[in-house]
Amino acid sequence: MSEHDNIESTEFKQLLERVERLEEEKAGIAGDIRDVYAEMKSRGYDVKGAREIIRLRRMSPQDRQTFEAIRDTYKAAAGIDD
């Protein structure tokens, strides 16, 4: 193995370790998010509805309007009234 291969190997291992640390952090954050949803539920909030609101808040206003227009069209076609 040449010295060049050794440097790449070290760099690759460091990158793998970074990904592993980030995956551990992500798992911890996912647990924290689950805890907040559990708290919401224990306080009487509808978690499914809260998740939908969070999804909508992530959208741009234009994307949200497009989504809502399509949803309303599909609801009408399916015979679902508000």
PDB file of N, CA and C in Angstrom:
ATOM      1  N   MET A   1       0.854  -1.185   0.000  1.00  0.00           N
ATOM      2  CA  MET A   1       0.000   0.000   0.000  1.00  0.00           C
ATOM      3  C   MET A   1       0.890   1.234   0.000  1.00  0.00           C
ATOM      4  N   SER A   2       0.625   2.176  -0.851  1.00  0.00           N
ATOM      5  CA  SER A   2       1.434   3.388  -0.926  1.00  0.00           C
ATOM      6  C   SER A   2       1.007   4.380   0.145  1.00  0.00           C
ATOM      7  N   GLU A   3       1.821   5.402   0.358  1.00  0.00           N
ATOM      8  CA  GLU A   3       1.498   6.448   1.324  1.00  0.00           C
ATOM      9  C   GLU A   3       0.212   7.164   0.929  1.00  0.00           C
ATOM     10  N   HIS A   4      -0.006   7.346  -0.374  1.00  0.00           N
ATOM     11  CA  HIS A   4      -1.221   8.002  -0.877  1.00  0.00           C
ATOM     12  C   HIS A   4      -2.461   7.213  -0.471  1.00  0.00           C
ATOM     13  N   ASP A   5      -2.384   5.892  -0.593  1.00  0.00           N
ATOM     14  CA  ASP A   5      -3.514   5.046  -0.197  1.00  0.00           C
ATOM     15  C   ASP A   5      -3.779   5.168   1.290  1.00  0.00           C
ATOM     16  N   ASN A   6      -2.724   5.303   2.068  1.00  0.00           N
ATOM     17  CA  ASN A   6      -2.849   5.423   3.515  1.00  0.00           C
ATOM     18  C   ASN A   6      -3.555   6.714   3.898  1.00  0.00           C
ATOM     19  N   ILE A   7      -3.222   7.826   3.231  1.00  0.00           N
ATOM     20  CA  ILE A   7      -3.860   9.114   3.515  1.00  0.00           C
ATOM     21  C   ILE A   7      -5.339   9.047   3.164  1.00  0.00           C
ATOM     22  N   GLU A   8      -5.661   8.486   2.017  1.00  0.00           N
ATOM     23  CA  GLU A   8      -7.060   8.365   1.634  1.00  0.00           C
ATOM     24  C   GLU A   8      -7.815   7.485   2.615  1.00  0.00           C
ATOM     25  N   SER A   9      -7.168   6.431   3.076  1.00  0.00           N
ATOM     26  CA  SER A   9      -7.803   5.533   4.031  1.00  0.00           C
ATOM     27  C   SER A   9      -8.106   6.262   5.340  1.00  0.00           C
ATOM     28  N   THR A  10      -7.159   7.063   5.810  1.00  0.00           N
ATOM     29  CA  THR A  10      -7.358   7.831   7.036  1.00  0.00           C
ATOM     30  C   THR A  10      -8.480   8.843   6.849  1.00  0.00           C
ATOM     31  N   GLU A  11      -8.452   9.541   5.730  1.00  0.00           N
ATOM     32  CA  GLU A  11      -9.499  10.524   5.451  1.00  0.00           C
ATOM     33  C   GLU A  11     -10.864   9.853   5.384  1.00  0.00           C
ATOM     34  N   PHE A  12     -10.938   8.719   4.705  1.00  0.00           N
ATOM     35  CA  PHE A  12     -12.197   7.993   4.575  1.00  0.00           C
ATOM     36  C   PHE A  12     -12.716   7.557   5.938  1.00  0.00           C
ATOM     37  N   LYS A  13     -11.835   7.058   6.778  1.00  0.00           N
ATOM     38  CA  LYS A  13     -12.249   6.641   8.124  1.00  0.00           C
ATOM     39  C   LYS A  13     -12.771   7.828   8.930  1.00  0.00           C
ATOM     40  N   GLN A  14     -12.119   8.980   8.782  1.00  0.00           N
ATOM     41  CA  GLN A  14     -12.580  10.177   9.489  1.00  0.00           C
ATOM     42  C   GLN A  14     -13.969  10.597   9.005  1.00  0.00           C
ATOM     43  N   LEU A  15     -14.192  10.503   7.713  1.00  0.00           N
ATOM     44  CA  LEU A  15     -15.510  10.838   7.181  1.00  0.00           C
ATOM     45  C   LEU A  15     -16.567   9.862   7.693  1.00  0.00           C
ATOM     46  N   LEU A  16     -16.219   8.589   7.732  1.00  0.00           N
ATOM     47  CA  LEU A  16     -17.151   7.591   8.266  1.00  0.00           C
ATOM     48  C   LEU A  16     -17.487   7.886   9.727  1.00  0.00           C
ATOM     49  N   GLU A  17     -16.485   8.236  10.502  1.00  0.00           N
ATOM     50  CA  GLU A  17     -16.712   8.551  11.919  1.00  0.00           C
ATOM     51  C   GLU A  17     -17.603   9.777  12.083  1.00  0.00           C
ATOM     52  N   ARG A  18     -17.428  10.770  11.221  1.00  0.00           N
ATOM     53  CA  ARG A  18     -18.302  11.954  11.265  1.00  0.00           C
ATOM     54  C   ARG A  18     -19.743  11.566  11.000  1.00  0.00           C
ATOM     55  N   VAL A  19     -19.950  10.725   9.975  1.00  0.00           N
ATOM     56  CA  VAL A  19     -21.312  10.281   9.658  1.00  0.00           C
ATOM     57  C   VAL A  19     -21.889   9.513  10.845  1.00  0.00           C
ATOM     58  N   GLU A  20     -21.100   8.656  11.445  1.00  0.00           N
ATOM     59  CA  GLU A  20     -21.580   7.872  12.592  1.00  0.00           C
ATOM     60  C   GLU A  20     -21.976   8.775  13.754  1.00  0.00           C
ATOM     61  N   ARG A  21     -21.167   9.795  14.045  1.00  0.00           N
ATOM     62  CA  ARG A  21     -21.514  10.733  15.120  1.00  0.00           C
ATOM     63  C   ARG A  21     -22.799  11.483  14.799  1.00  0.00           C
ATOM     64  N   LEU A  22     -22.931  11.926  13.552  1.00  0.00           N
ATOM     65  CA  LEU A  22     -24.141  12.644  13.154  1.00  0.00           C
ATOM     66  C   LEU A  22     -25.370  11.744  13.231  1.00  0.00           C
ATOM     67  N   GLU A  23     -25.213  10.467  12.854  1.00  0.00           N
ATOM     68  CA  GLU A  23     -26.334   9.524  12.959  1.00  0.00           C
ATOM     69  C   GLU A  23     -26.749   9.353  14.426  1.00  0.00           C
ATOM     70  N   GLU A  24     -25.773   9.319  15.335  1.00  0.00           N
ATOM     71  CA  GLU A  24     -26.092   9.229  16.765  1.00  0.00           C
ATOM     72  C   GLU A  24     -26.853  10.465  17.231  1.00  0.00           C
ATOM     73  N   GLU A  25     -26.395  11.637  16.788  1.00  0.00           N
ATOM     74  CA  GLU A  25     -27.085  12.877  17.141  1.00  0.00           C
ATOM     75  C   GLU A  25     -28.501  12.886  16.583  1.00  0.00           C
ATOM     76  N   LYS A  26     -28.644  12.421  15.337  1.00  0.00           N
ATOM     77  CA  LYS A  26     -29.961  12.379  14.696  1.00  0.00           C
ATOM     78  C   LYS A  26     -30.904  11.478  15.488  1.00  0.00           C
ATOM     79  N   ALA A  27     -30.397  10.340  15.944  1.00  0.00           N
ATOM     80  CA  ALA A  27     -31.229   9.429  16.736  1.00  0.00           C
ATOM     81  C   ALA A  27     -31.663  10.094  18.037  1.00  0.00           C
ATOM     82  N   GLY A  28     -30.762  10.848  18.643  1.00  0.00           N
ATOM     83  CA  GLY A  28     -31.103  11.561  19.869  1.00  0.00           C
ATOM     84  C   GLY A  28     -32.162  12.622  19.625  1.00  0.00           C
ATOM     85  N   ILE A  29     -32.017  13.355  18.540  1.00  0.00           N
ATOM     86  CA  ILE A  29     -32.991  14.391  18.191  1.00  0.00           C
ATOM     87  C   ILE A  29     -34.342  13.759  17.873  1.00  0.00           C
ATOM     88  N   ALA A  30     -34.332  12.629  17.160  1.00  0.00           N
ATOM     89  CA  ALA A  30     -35.594  11.942  16.856  1.00  0.00           C
ATOM     90  C   ALA A  30     -36.299  11.537  18.149  1.00  0.00           C
ATOM     91  N   GLY A  31     -35.526  11.102  19.128  1.00  0.00           N
ATOM     92  CA  GLY A  31     -36.110  10.767  20.433  1.00  0.00           C
ATOM     93  C   GLY A  31     -36.710  11.980  21.105  1.00  0.00           C
ATOM     94  N   ASP A  32     -36.020  13.112  21.013  1.00  0.00           N
ATOM     95  CA  ASP A  32     -36.544  14.356  21.596  1.00  0.00           C
ATOM     96  C   ASP A  32     -37.847  14.766  20.921  1.00  0.00           C
ATOM     97  N   ILE A  33     -37.914  14.616  19.601  1.00  0.00           N
ATOM     98  CA  ILE A  33     -39.128  14.958  18.861  1.00  0.00           C
ATOM     99  C   ILE A  33     -40.276  14.055  19.293  1.00  0.00           C
ATOM    100  N   ARG A  34     -39.998  12.761  19.435  1.00  0.00           N
ATOM    101  CA  ARG A  34     -41.039  11.833  19.916  1.00  0.00           C
ATOM    102  C   ARG A  34     -41.551  12.253  21.284  1.00  0.00           C
ATOM    103  N   ASP A  35     -40.628  12.701  22.142  1.00  0.00           N
ATOM    104  CA  ASP A  35     -41.024  13.147  23.480  1.00  0.00           C
ATOM    105  C   ASP A  35     -41.956  14.354  23.421  1.00  0.00           C
ATOM    106  N   VAL A  36     -41.671  15.287  22.515  1.00  0.00           N
ATOM    107  CA  VAL A  36     -42.528  16.483  22.389  1.00  0.00           C
ATOM    108  C   VAL A  36     -43.908  16.079  21.882  1.00  0.00           C
ATOM    109  N   TYR A  37     -43.961  15.168  20.911  1.00  0.00           N
ATOM    110  CA  TYR A  37     -45.264  14.698  20.427  1.00  0.00           C
ATOM    111  C   TYR A  37     -46.021  13.974  21.534  1.00  0.00           C
ATOM    112  N   ALA A  38     -45.321  13.203  22.355  1.00  0.00           N
ATOM    113  CA  ALA A  38     -45.970  12.525  23.480  1.00  0.00           C
ATOM    114  C   ALA A  38     -46.522  13.552  24.473  1.00  0.00           C
ATOM    115  N   GLU A  39     -45.774  14.619  24.689  1.00  0.00           N
ATOM    116  CA  GLU A  39     -46.250  15.686  25.571  1.00  0.00           C
ATOM    117  C   GLU A  39     -47.491  16.355  24.984  1.00  0.00           C
ATOM    118  N   MET A  40     -47.458  16.617  23.665  1.00  0.00           N
ATOM    119  CA  MET A  40     -48.634  17.184  23.002  1.00  0.00           C
ATOM    120  C   MET A  40     -49.854  16.303  23.251  1.00  0.00           C
ATOM    121  N   LYS A  41     -49.661  15.000  23.027  1.00  0.00           N
ATOM    122  CA  LYS A  41     -50.767  14.058  23.184  1.00  0.00           C
ATOM    123  C   LYS A  41     -51.278  14.059  24.620  1.00  0.00           C
ATOM    124  N   SER A  42     -50.361  14.073  25.582  1.00  0.00           N
ATOM    125  CA  SER A  42     -50.773  14.051  26.988  1.00  0.00           C
ATOM    126  C   SER A  42     -51.521  15.320  27.389  1.00  0.00           C
ATOM    127  N   ARG A  43     -51.307  16.405  26.649  1.00  0.00           N
ATOM    128  CA  ARG A  43     -52.004  17.666  26.925  1.00  0.00           C
ATOM    129  C   ARG A  43     -53.285  17.801  26.115  1.00  0.00           C
ATOM    130  N   GLY A  44     -53.630  16.744  25.368  1.00  0.00           N
ATOM    131  CA  GLY A  44     -54.907  16.726  24.671  1.00  0.00           C
ATOM    132  C   GLY A  44     -54.874  17.179  23.228  1.00  0.00           C
ATOM    133  N   TYR A  45     -53.701  17.442  22.695  1.00  0.00           N
ATOM    134  CA  TYR A  45     -53.607  17.849  21.292  1.00  0.00           C
ATOM    135  C   TYR A  45     -53.627  16.626  20.389  1.00  0.00           C
ATOM    136  N   ASP A  46     -54.167  16.796  19.200  1.00  0.00           N
ATOM    137  CA  ASP A  46     -54.182  15.736  18.207  1.00  0.00           C
ATOM    138  C   ASP A  46     -52.837  15.751  17.485  1.00  0.00           C
ATOM    139  N   VAL A  47     -52.056  14.702  17.684  1.00  0.00           N
ATOM    140  CA  VAL A  47     -50.700  14.650  17.147  1.00  0.00           C
ATOM    141  C   VAL A  47     -50.712  14.577  15.625  1.00  0.00           C
ATOM    142  N   LYS A  48     -51.633  13.828  15.065  1.00  0.00           N
ATOM    143  CA  LYS A  48     -51.713  13.732  13.605  1.00  0.00           C
ATOM    144  C   LYS A  48     -51.975  15.112  13.000  1.00  0.00           C
ATOM    145  N   GLY A  49     -52.869  15.864  13.601  1.00  0.00           N
ATOM    146  CA  GLY A  49     -53.152  17.216  13.140  1.00  0.00           C
ATOM    147  C   GLY A  49     -51.947  18.130  13.301  1.00  0.00           C
ATOM    148  N   ALA A  50     -51.232  17.989  14.411  1.00  0.00           N
ATOM    149  CA  ALA A  50     -50.038  18.807  14.645  1.00  0.00           C
ATOM    150  C   ALA A  50     -48.964  18.505  13.604  1.00  0.00           C
ATOM    151  N   ARG A  51     -48.794  17.225  13.271  1.00  0.00           N
ATOM    152  CA  ARG A  51     -47.809  16.851  12.251  1.00  0.00           C
ATOM    153  C   ARG A  51     -48.170  17.479  10.896  1.00  0.00           C
ATOM    154  N   GLU A  52     -49.467  17.507  10.591  1.00  0.00           N
ATOM    155  CA  GLU A  52     -49.925  18.099   9.331  1.00  0.00           C
ATOM    156  C   GLU A  52     -49.639  19.603   9.315  1.00  0.00           C
ATOM    157  N   ILE A  53     -49.869  20.274  10.431  1.00  0.00           N
ATOM    158  CA  ILE A  53     -49.599  21.710  10.513  1.00  0.00           C
ATOM    159  C   ILE A  53     -48.105  21.971  10.339  1.00  0.00           C
ATOM    160  N   ILE A  54     -47.271  21.161  10.951  1.00  0.00           N
ATOM    161  CA  ILE A  54     -45.819  21.321  10.804  1.00  0.00           C
ATOM    162  C   ILE A  54     -45.422  21.142   9.342  1.00  0.00           C
ATOM    163  N   ARG A  55     -45.997  20.143   8.684  1.00  0.00           N
ATOM    164  CA  ARG A  55     -45.704  19.910   7.264  1.00  0.00           C
ATOM    165  C   ARG A  55     -46.113  21.117   6.422  1.00  0.00           C
ATOM    166  N   LEU A  56     -47.275  21.679   6.714  1.00  0.00           N
ATOM    167  CA  LEU A  56     -47.752  22.852   5.974  1.00  0.00           C
ATOM    168  C   LEU A  56     -46.877  24.078   6.237  1.00  0.00           C
ATOM    169  N   ARG A  57     -46.417  24.233   7.469  1.00  0.00           N
ATOM    170  CA  ARG A  57     -45.571  25.386   7.809  1.00  0.00           C
ATOM    171  C   ARG A  57     -44.235  25.346   7.085  1.00  0.00           C
ATOM    172  N   ARG A  58     -43.778  24.142   6.742  1.00  0.00           N
ATOM    173  CA  ARG A  58     -42.510  24.009   6.016  1.00  0.00           C
ATOM    174  C   ARG A  58     -42.636  24.441   4.555  1.00  0.00           C
ATOM    175  N   MET A  59     -43.850  24.438   4.034  1.00  0.00           N
ATOM    176  CA  MET A  59     -44.071  24.786   2.623  1.00  0.00           C
ATOM    177  C   MET A  59     -44.027  26.299   2.435  1.00  0.00           C
ATOM    178  N   SER A  60     -43.643  26.702   1.238  1.00  0.00           N
ATOM    179  CA  SER A  60     -43.742  28.120   0.896  1.00  0.00           C
ATOM    180  C   SER A  60     -45.227  28.445   0.743  1.00  0.00           C
ATOM    181  N   PRO A  61     -45.599  29.706   0.885  1.00  0.00           N
ATOM    182  CA  PRO A  61     -47.010  30.064   0.706  1.00  0.00           C
ATOM    183  C   PRO A  61     -47.554  29.621  -0.655  1.00  0.00           C
ATOM    184  N   GLN A  62     -46.762  29.767  -1.699  1.00  0.00           N
ATOM    185  CA  GLN A  62     -47.209  29.363  -3.036  1.00  0.00           C
ATOM    186  C   GLN A  62     -47.427  27.851  -3.110  1.00  0.00           C
ATOM    187  N   ASP A  63     -46.497  27.069  -2.565  1.00  0.00           N
ATOM    188  CA  ASP A  63     -46.653  25.609  -2.571  1.00  0.00           C
ATOM    189  C   ASP A  63     -47.865  25.182  -1.745  1.00  0.00           C
ATOM    190  N   ARG A  64     -48.080  25.881  -0.633  1.00  0.00           N
ATOM    191  CA  ARG A  64     -49.230  25.566   0.215  1.00  0.00           C
ATOM    192  C   ARG A  64     -50.533  25.862  -0.514  1.00  0.00           C
ATOM    193  N   GLN A  65     -50.602  26.982  -1.219  1.00  0.00           N
ATOM    194  CA  GLN A  65     -51.809  27.323  -1.972  1.00  0.00           C
ATOM    195  C   GLN A  65     -52.063  26.295  -3.073  1.00  0.00           C
ATOM    196  N   THR A  66     -51.011  25.889  -3.757  1.00  0.00           N
ATOM    197  CA  THR A  66     -51.153  24.876  -4.809  1.00  0.00           C
ATOM    198  C   THR A  66     -51.653  23.568  -4.217  1.00  0.00           C
ATOM    199  N   PHE A  67     -51.047  23.150  -3.123  1.00  0.00           N
ATOM    200  CA  PHE A  67     -51.463  21.916  -2.458  1.00  0.00           C
ATOM    201  C   PHE A  67     -52.935  21.988  -2.054  1.00  0.00           C
ATOM    202  N   GLU A  68     -53.329  23.094  -1.447  1.00  0.00           N
ATOM    203  CA  GLU A  68     -54.709  23.223  -0.977  1.00  0.00           C
ATOM    204  C   GLU A  68     -55.695  23.243  -2.138  1.00  0.00           C
ATOM    205  N   ALA A  69     -55.327  23.857  -3.253  1.00  0.00           N
ATOM    206  CA  ALA A  69     -56.208  23.875  -4.427  1.00  0.00           C
ATOM    207  C   ALA A  69     -56.381  22.469  -4.994  1.00  0.00           C
ATOM    208  N   ILE A  70     -55.294  21.732  -5.079  1.00  0.00           N
ATOM    209  CA  ILE A  70     -55.370  20.348  -5.566  1.00  0.00           C
ATOM    210  C   ILE A  70     -56.192  19.499  -4.607  1.00  0.00           C
ATOM    211  N   ARG A  71     -55.932  19.655  -3.310  1.00  0.00           N
ATOM    212  CA  ARG A  71     -56.688  18.902  -2.313  1.00  0.00           C
ATOM    213  C   ARG A  71     -58.178  19.191  -2.413  1.00  0.00           C
ATOM    214  N   ASP A  72     -58.542  20.464  -2.555  1.00  0.00           N
ATOM    215  CA  ASP A  72     -59.957  20.831  -2.658  1.00  0.00           C
ATOM    216  C   ASP A  72     -60.593  20.246  -3.922  1.00  0.00           C
ATOM    217  N   THR A  73     -59.852  20.244  -5.021  1.00  0.00           N
ATOM    218  CA  THR A  73     -60.343  19.650  -6.272  1.00  0.00           C
ATOM    219  C   THR A  73     -60.589  18.151  -6.083  1.00  0.00           C
ATOM    220  N   TYR A  74     -59.640  17.477  -5.471  1.00  0.00           N
ATOM    221  CA  TYR A  74     -59.774  16.034  -5.243  1.00  0.00           C
ATOM    222  C   TYR A  74     -60.915  15.724  -4.273  1.00  0.00           C
ATOM    223  N   LYS A  75     -61.060  16.552  -3.240  1.00  0.00           N
ATOM    224  CA  LYS A  75     -62.163  16.340  -2.290  1.00  0.00           C
ATOM    225  C   LYS A  75     -63.508  16.484  -3.003  1.00  0.00           C
ATOM    226  N   ALA A  76     -63.639  17.496  -3.840  1.00  0.00           N
ATOM    227  CA  ALA A  76     -64.883  17.705  -4.583  1.00  0.00           C
ATOM    228  C   ALA A  76     -65.156  16.521  -5.508  1.00  0.00           C
ATOM    229  N   ALA A  77     -64.117  16.045  -6.187  1.00  0.00           N
ATOM    230  CA  ALA A  77     -64.289  14.910  -7.090  1.00  0.00           C
ATOM    231  C   ALA A  77     -64.670  13.640  -6.339  1.00  0.00           C
ATOM    232  N   ALA A  78     -64.236  13.548  -5.098  1.00  0.00           N
ATOM    233  CA  ALA A  78     -64.549  12.364  -4.287  1.00  0.00           C
ATOM    234  C   ALA A  78     -65.868  12.511  -3.532  1.00  0.00           C
ATOM    235  N   GLY A  79     -66.504  13.677  -3.651  1.00  0.00           N
ATOM    236  CA  GLY A  79     -67.779  13.897  -2.997  1.00  0.00           C
ATOM    237  C   GLY A  79     -67.642  14.178  -1.498  1.00  0.00           C
ATOM    238  N   ILE A  80     -66.504  14.687  -1.104  1.00  0.00           N
ATOM    239  CA  ILE A  80     -66.274  15.007   0.310  1.00  0.00           C
ATOM    240  C   ILE A  80     -66.557  16.480   0.512  1.00  0.00           C
ATOM    241  N   ASP A  81     -67.518  16.794   1.366  1.00  0.00           N
ATOM    242  CA  ASP A  81     -67.869  18.181   1.665  1.00  0.00           C
ATOM    243  C   ASP A  81     -67.320  18.564   3.014  1.00  0.00           C
ATOM    244  N   ASP A  82     -66.991  19.855   3.165  1.00  0.00           N
ATOM    245  CA  ASP A  82     -66.546  20.363   4.476  1.00  0.00           C
ATOM    246  C   ASP A  82     -67.726  20.698   5.345  1.00  0.00           C
TER     247      ASP A  82
END
